[in-house]
Amino acid sequence: MHQIESLAKAGVTDVVLAVNYRPEIMQATMKEYEEKLGLSIHFSVESEPLGTAGPLALAKEILGKDEEPFFVLNSDIICDFPFEEMVAFHKKHGAEGTILVTKVEEPSKYGVIVTAAGTTQIESFVEKPKEFVGDRINAGIYIFNPKILDRIQPKPTSIEKEVFPDMAKDGELHSMDLKGYWMDVGQPKDYLIGLGLYLGSLAEKKPQNLHKGECVKGNVLVDSTAQIGKGCLIGPNVTVGANVIIEDGARISNSAVMEGARIKSHAFVSSTIIGWRATVGSWSRVEGGAVLGDDVAVGDELYVNGAIVLPNKTLSTNIATPQIIM
């Protein structure tokens, strides 16, 4: 949602989401945000997975409706999205596409982008280089002219491996450096790291948006509809969603608590993702990178360490070692 909200603030009016698994759930959820943000949210529904490029072909009628460029974003990244700066940069160089890039300390773990000397024009991509060729990698945010759609068919296609190399060969692809933090948040551990980076950025740029009070330690973001009891300690690096109830004496740190969840009295939650409408019982302790799925219930006085618990499960015994609970 942070991505979509940032797009709305940048003046984007149409958003296309590529979905494959149970699209009806995503469609129902997005309806609320469509009205809230004043956007038209469309869906590119894949009957089979079409990779990172195929969904663009399915949405050609929307993306190619005029000559205006459009953004493409990976869903599992977080940063301070520089959409307005990207538009200006893209229109200035006039080529077909722009890739946002970020610098990393160990480029040998990634695919590195190589540009022509003294320019932003991309020459090539080097996958996990053994020798240093650069330290800038694909950040998963792009802006394209509609002409790119002529390169893509509605079939399984990798935009990184099959489309970008041809664009680079044709001199139609440039890179723009990202300033500030960036994180791939596709895994729970990385999601929590990215959460901390996001809250740190918010503290620098919009500290008024963070929650204040005696119960708060460090950077904490709390929805206005959430209820926090007496004697709690929340933070650092915590987000609390809409209609969450946190009862007296609870302690939460380095965690995300999703909408409708309930943390009962004197529970301890650390380095954990609490899913929608999940419950943590009184005096229970949940930590170690645990993930509680939607509507999960943890009983009173239990210990849960690093477990990934699938939706609609009830825990009545301790989970001392990380495991998946199905």
Protein backbone atom coordinates (compact mmCIF):
# COMPACT_ATOMS: atom_id res chain seq x y z
CA MET A 1 0.00 0.00 0.00
CA HIS A 2 2.91 2.38 0.59
CA GLN A 3 3.71 2.08 -3.13
CA ILE A 4 0.15 2.85 -4.22
CA GLU A 5 -0.16 5.77 -1.81
CA SER A 6 3.12 7.20 -3.15
CA LEU A 7 1.86 6.85 -6.72
CA ALA A 8 -1.34 8.70 -5.81
CA LYS A 9 0.66 11.54 -4.26
CA ALA A 10 2.69 11.79 -7.47
CA GLY A 11 -0.48 12.35 -9.47
CA VAL A 12 -0.92 8.86 -10.94
CA THR A 13 -4.60 8.15 -11.63
CA ASP A 14 -4.54 4.58 -12.97
CA VAL A 15 -2.88 1.58 -11.29
CA VAL A 16 -2.64 -1.94 -12.74
CA LEU A 17 -1.95 -4.85 -10.38
CA ALA A 18 -0.71 -8.14 -11.82
CA VAL A 19 -2.32 -11.01 -9.89
CA ASN A 20 -2.48 -14.75 -10.33
CA TYR A 21 -3.54 -16.46 -7.08
CA ARG A 22 -7.12 -15.77 -5.88
CA PRO A 23 -7.49 -12.38 -7.59
CA GLU A 24 -10.96 -11.87 -6.14
CA ILE A 25 -9.46 -11.31 -2.68
CA MET A 26 -7.10 -8.63 -3.95
CA GLN A 27 -9.88 -6.97 -5.92
CA ALA A 28 -12.14 -6.76 -2.87
CA THR A 29 -9.34 -5.36 -0.71
CA MET A 30 -8.25 -2.77 -3.26
CA LYS A 31 -11.77 -1.41 -3.71
CA GLU A 32 -11.51 0.40 -0.39
CA TYR A 33 -8.18 2.01 -1.27
CA GLU A 34 -9.39 2.92 -4.75
CA GLU A 35 -12.06 5.13 -3.22
CA LYS A 36 -9.81 6.43 -0.45
CA LEU A 37 -6.97 7.51 -2.77
CA GLY A 38 -9.04 8.58 -5.75
CA LEU A 39 -7.44 6.03 -8.07
CA SER A 40 -8.71 3.65 -10.72
CA ILE A 41 -7.19 0.26 -9.87
CA HIS A 42 -7.20 -2.30 -12.66
CA PHE A 43 -6.15 -5.95 -12.56
CA SER A 44 -4.03 -7.91 -14.99
CA VAL A 45 -5.20 -11.40 -14.08
CA GLU A 46 -2.93 -14.24 -15.18
CA SER A 47 -4.51 -17.64 -15.81
CA GLU A 48 -0.93 -18.93 -15.61
CA PRO A 49 2.15 -17.14 -14.24
CA LEU A 50 3.50 -14.86 -16.99
CA GLY A 51 6.74 -13.75 -15.36
CA THR A 52 7.67 -10.11 -14.88
CA ALA A 53 6.80 -8.92 -18.41
CA GLY A 54 3.80 -10.95 -19.59
CA PRO A 55 1.24 -9.11 -17.39
CA LEU A 56 2.18 -5.85 -19.15
CA ALA A 57 1.00 -7.33 -22.44
CA LEU A 58 -2.31 -8.32 -20.83
CA ALA A 59 -2.77 -4.71 -19.71
CA LYS A 60 -1.76 -3.21 -23.07
CA GLU A 61 -5.13 -1.55 -23.61
CA ILE A 62 -4.72 0.45 -20.39
CA LEU A 63 -0.97 1.08 -20.45
CA GLY A 64 -0.93 2.00 -24.12
CA LYS A 65 -4.03 4.18 -24.18
CA ASP A 66 -1.93 7.30 -24.86
CA GLU A 67 1.71 8.35 -25.25
CA GLU A 68 2.29 9.05 -21.55
CA PRO A 69 4.96 6.93 -19.80
CA PHE A 70 3.93 4.51 -17.06
CA PHE A 71 5.60 3.05 -13.97
CA VAL A 72 6.24 -0.62 -13.30
CA LEU A 73 7.12 -1.72 -9.76
CA ASN A 74 8.04 -4.96 -8.07
CA SER A 75 5.66 -5.49 -5.15
CA ASP A 76 8.30 -6.62 -2.65
CA ILE A 77 10.53 -3.56 -2.42
CA ILE A 78 10.46 -0.51 -0.19
CA CYS A 79 12.21 2.85 -0.45
CA ASP A 80 11.37 6.56 -0.67
CA PHE A 81 9.76 6.24 -4.08
CA PRO A 82 11.07 9.16 -6.22
CA PHE A 83 8.29 9.06 -8.81
CA GLU A 84 8.25 12.74 -9.73
CA GLU A 85 12.04 12.82 -10.12
CA MET A 86 11.89 9.71 -12.29
CA VAL A 87 9.36 11.30 -14.64
CA ALA A 88 11.57 14.36 -15.12
CA PHE A 89 14.70 12.24 -15.64
CA HIS A 90 12.95 9.89 -18.07
CA LYS A 91 11.51 12.65 -20.22
CA LYS A 92 14.86 14.44 -20.30
CA HIS A 93 16.83 11.53 -21.80
CA GLY A 94 13.97 10.64 -24.15
CA ALA A 95 14.68 6.91 -24.45
CA GLU A 96 12.20 4.07 -24.09
CA GLY A 97 12.88 3.07 -20.49
CA THR A 98 14.45 4.03 -17.17
CA ILE A 99 15.55 1.65 -14.41
CA LEU A 100 15.97 2.93 -10.87
CA VAL A 101 19.24 1.56 -9.46
CA THR A 102 20.70 1.35 -5.98
CA LYS A 103 24.26 0.87 -4.77
CA VAL A 104 25.15 -2.22 -2.73
CA GLU A 105 28.23 -3.18 -0.73
CA GLU A 106 28.54 -6.70 -2.16
CA PRO A 107 27.64 -6.54 -5.87
CA SER A 108 28.84 -10.13 -6.44
CA LYS A 109 25.53 -11.32 -4.95
CA TYR A 110 23.43 -9.53 -7.55
CA GLY A 111 23.05 -8.72 -11.22
CA VAL A 112 25.04 -5.54 -11.80
CA ILE A 113 24.07 -2.79 -14.24
CA VAL A 114 26.88 -1.40 -16.41
CA THR A 115 26.49 2.00 -18.07
CA ALA A 116 28.48 3.67 -20.85
CA ALA A 117 31.32 5.77 -19.44
CA GLY A 118 30.17 9.18 -18.29
CA THR A 119 26.50 8.55 -19.18
CA THR A 120 23.36 7.00 -17.74
CA GLN A 121 22.78 4.80 -20.80
CA ILE A 122 22.82 1.11 -19.87
CA GLU A 123 25.24 -1.03 -21.87
CA SER A 124 24.89 -4.44 -20.26
CA PHE A 125 23.88 -6.55 -17.28
CA VAL A 126 26.37 -8.80 -15.50
CA GLU A 127 24.94 -11.55 -13.28
CA LYS A 128 26.85 -12.06 -10.00
CA PRO A 129 30.21 -10.79 -11.31
CA LYS A 130 33.35 -12.45 -9.95
CA GLU A 131 35.37 -9.34 -10.79
CA PHE A 132 34.24 -5.82 -9.96
CA VAL A 133 32.34 -4.21 -12.84
CA GLY A 134 30.15 -1.90 -10.78
CA ASP A 135 28.10 -1.66 -7.60
CA ARG A 136 24.69 -0.59 -8.89
CA ILE A 137 21.81 -3.06 -9.11
CA ASN A 138 18.24 -3.04 -10.35
CA ALA A 139 15.99 -1.57 -7.63
CA GLY A 140 12.80 -3.00 -9.17
CA ILE A 141 11.22 0.33 -10.16
CA TYR A 142 10.88 1.34 -13.81
CA ILE A 143 9.28 3.94 -16.05
CA PHE A 144 8.57 3.12 -19.70
CA ASN A 145 7.17 4.70 -22.81
CA PRO A 146 4.23 2.69 -24.20
CA LYS A 147 6.47 1.66 -27.11
CA ILE A 148 7.94 -1.05 -24.87
CA LEU A 149 4.65 -2.95 -25.20
CA ASP A 150 5.58 -3.80 -28.80
CA ARG A 151 8.44 -5.89 -27.39
CA ILE A 152 6.24 -8.05 -25.12
CA GLN A 153 3.80 -10.86 -25.87
CA PRO A 154 1.17 -12.23 -23.43
CA LYS A 155 3.25 -15.27 -22.54
CA PRO A 156 5.72 -16.15 -19.75
CA THR A 157 8.48 -13.58 -20.18
CA SER A 158 11.20 -12.16 -17.91
CA ILE A 159 11.55 -8.44 -18.35
CA GLU A 160 15.00 -8.55 -16.79
CA LYS A 161 16.43 -11.38 -18.91
CA GLU A 162 14.48 -11.14 -22.17
CA VAL A 163 13.37 -7.52 -22.63
CA PHE A 164 16.00 -5.33 -20.97
CA PRO A 165 19.03 -6.75 -22.85
CA ASP A 166 17.39 -5.94 -26.20
CA MET A 167 16.48 -2.45 -25.02
CA ALA A 168 20.07 -1.87 -23.89
CA LYS A 169 21.37 -3.14 -27.23
CA ASP A 170 19.12 -0.63 -28.99
CA GLY A 171 20.32 2.22 -26.74
CA GLU A 172 16.83 2.64 -25.29
CA LEU A 173 17.48 2.04 -21.57
CA HIS A 174 18.90 4.39 -18.94
CA SER A 175 19.55 4.18 -15.20
CA MET A 176 18.74 6.65 -12.45
CA ASP A 177 20.42 6.48 -9.05
CA LEU A 178 18.19 6.06 -6.01
CA LYS A 179 18.99 8.26 -3.03
CA GLY A 180 18.27 6.95 0.43
CA TYR A 181 17.33 3.53 1.70
CA TRP A 182 16.17 0.49 -0.29
CA MET A 183 15.18 -3.01 0.75
CA ASP A 184 13.81 -6.16 -0.86
CA VAL A 185 11.14 -7.19 1.66
CA GLY A 186 10.02 -10.46 0.09
CA GLN A 187 11.01 -12.51 3.16
CA PRO A 188 9.72 -11.96 6.72
CA LYS A 189 13.15 -11.13 8.14
CA ASP A 190 13.80 -8.63 5.37
CA TYR A 191 10.31 -7.19 5.75
CA LEU A 192 11.06 -6.30 9.37
CA ILE A 193 14.41 -4.77 8.42
CA GLY A 194 12.68 -2.75 5.72
CA LEU A 195 10.05 -1.67 8.23
CA GLY A 196 12.77 -0.20 10.42
CA LEU A 197 14.32 1.62 7.46
CA TYR A 198 10.95 3.05 6.46
CA LEU A 199 10.19 4.29 9.96
CA GLY A 200 13.67 5.79 10.21
CA SER A 201 13.08 7.69 6.99
CA LEU A 202 9.70 8.84 8.24
CA ALA A 203 11.32 10.11 11.44
CA GLU A 204 13.65 12.28 9.37
CA LYS A 205 11.15 13.62 6.84
CA LYS A 206 7.73 13.54 8.53
CA PRO A 207 8.24 13.03 12.28
CA GLN A 208 4.76 14.42 12.92
CA ASN A 209 3.29 11.23 11.44
CA LEU A 210 4.86 9.03 14.10
CA HIS A 211 3.08 8.15 17.34
CA LYS A 212 4.03 9.98 20.50
CA GLY A 213 3.33 9.18 24.13
CA GLU A 214 4.62 7.65 27.33
CA CYS A 215 4.12 4.15 25.95
CA VAL A 216 6.30 4.77 22.88
CA LYS A 217 9.99 4.02 22.50
CA GLY A 218 11.68 4.98 19.23
CA ASN A 219 9.91 5.10 15.87
CA VAL A 220 6.33 3.83 16.01
CA LEU A 221 3.43 4.26 13.59
CA VAL A 222 -0.07 3.69 14.98
CA ASP A 223 -3.37 3.91 13.13
CA SER A 224 -5.81 6.37 14.67
CA THR A 225 -8.39 3.61 15.23
CA ALA A 226 -6.05 1.39 17.27
CA GLN A 227 -6.52 1.07 21.04
CA ILE A 228 -3.54 0.89 23.40
CA GLY A 229 -4.04 -0.01 27.05
CA LYS A 230 -2.30 1.18 30.19
CA GLY A 231 1.30 0.35 31.02
CA CYS A 232 2.24 -0.79 27.51
CA LEU A 233 5.62 -0.27 25.88
CA ILE A 234 5.54 -0.04 22.08
CA GLY A 235 8.71 0.22 19.98
CA PRO A 236 11.16 0.72 18.58
CA ASN A 237 10.26 0.01 14.95
CA VAL A 238 6.61 -1.00 15.26
CA THR A 239 3.59 -0.43 13.03
CA VAL A 240 0.09 -0.91 14.42
CA GLY A 241 -2.77 -1.22 11.93
CA ALA A 242 -6.40 -0.17 11.97
CA ASN A 243 -8.70 -1.45 14.73
CA VAL A 244 -5.88 -3.22 16.56
CA ILE A 245 -6.41 -3.72 20.30
CA ILE A 246 -3.35 -3.81 22.56
CA GLU A 247 -4.30 -4.58 26.13
CA ASP A 248 -2.69 -3.39 29.36
CA GLY A 249 0.98 -4.16 29.97
CA ALA A 250 1.78 -5.51 26.51
CA ARG A 251 5.30 -5.10 25.10
CA ILE A 252 5.89 -4.91 21.33
CA SER A 253 9.15 -4.19 19.48
CA ASN A 254 10.49 -4.53 15.92
CA SER A 255 7.16 -5.88 14.71
CA ALA A 256 4.21 -5.26 12.41
CA VAL A 257 0.71 -5.71 13.82
CA MET A 258 -1.87 -5.91 11.04
CA GLU A 259 -5.44 -4.65 10.98
CA GLY A 260 -7.87 -6.14 13.48
CA ALA A 261 -5.26 -8.01 15.52
CA ARG A 262 -5.45 -8.27 19.31
CA ILE A 263 -2.48 -8.40 21.68
CA LYS A 264 -3.78 -9.39 25.09
CA SER A 265 -2.57 -8.19 28.46
CA HIS A 266 1.13 -8.54 29.31
CA ALA A 267 1.95 -10.34 26.06
CA PHE A 268 5.47 -9.91 24.66
CA VAL A 269 5.92 -9.57 20.89
CA SER A 270 9.32 -9.04 19.29
CA SER A 271 10.59 -9.34 15.69
CA THR A 272 7.25 -10.73 14.56
CA ILE A 273 4.59 -10.15 11.92
CA ILE A 274 1.10 -10.41 13.41
CA GLY A 275 -1.45 -11.06 10.64
CA TRP A 276 -4.91 -9.67 10.13
CA ARG A 277 -7.26 -10.43 13.04
CA ALA A 278 -4.69 -12.66 14.76
CA THR A 279 -4.64 -12.88 18.56
CA VAL A 280 -1.76 -13.25 21.01
CA GLY A 281 -2.87 -14.49 24.42
CA SER A 282 -2.17 -12.98 27.83
CA TRP A 283 1.39 -13.44 29.13
CA SER A 284 2.42 -15.16 25.89
CA ARG A 285 5.76 -14.50 24.22
CA VAL A 286 6.09 -14.44 20.42
CA GLU A 287 9.49 -13.65 18.90
CA GLY A 288 12.37 -14.73 16.68
CA GLY A 289 10.95 -13.78 13.28
CA ALA A 290 7.60 -15.47 13.83
CA VAL A 291 4.76 -14.88 11.38
CA LEU A 292 1.14 -15.35 12.46
CA GLY A 293 -1.22 -15.67 9.50
CA ASP A 294 -4.73 -14.27 9.26
CA ASP A 295 -7.03 -15.25 12.14
CA VAL A 296 -4.36 -17.22 14.00
CA ALA A 297 -4.95 -17.50 17.75
CA VAL A 298 -2.10 -18.01 20.24
CA GLY A 299 -3.37 -19.18 23.63
CA ASP A 300 -2.46 -17.67 26.99
CA GLU A 301 0.99 -18.17 28.56
CA LEU A 302 2.60 -19.74 25.49
CA TYR A 303 6.02 -19.36 23.88
CA VAL A 304 6.32 -19.11 20.07
CA ASN A 305 9.81 -18.84 18.62
CA GLY A 306 10.28 -18.17 14.91
CA ALA A 307 7.25 -20.18 13.79
CA ILE A 308 5.40 -19.44 10.57
CA VAL A 309 1.77 -20.20 11.33
CA LEU A 310 -0.65 -20.54 8.44
CA PRO A 311 -4.05 -18.79 8.62
CA ASN A 312 -6.92 -19.96 10.83
CA LYS A 313 -4.77 -22.03 13.20
CA THR A 314 -5.04 -22.10 16.98
CA LEU A 315 -1.90 -22.70 19.04
CA SER A 316 -2.33 -24.34 22.42
CA THR A 317 1.24 -25.59 23.01
CA ASN A 318 4.67 -23.98 22.99
CA ILE A 319 6.65 -23.78 19.73
CA ALA A 320 10.24 -23.59 20.89
CA THR A 321 12.02 -23.99 17.55
CA PRO A 322 11.33 -22.31 14.18
CA GLN A 323 8.97 -24.35 11.99
CA ILE A 324 5.97 -24.07 9.72
CA ILE A 325 2.61 -24.81 11.35
CA MET A 326 0.09 -25.96 8.73
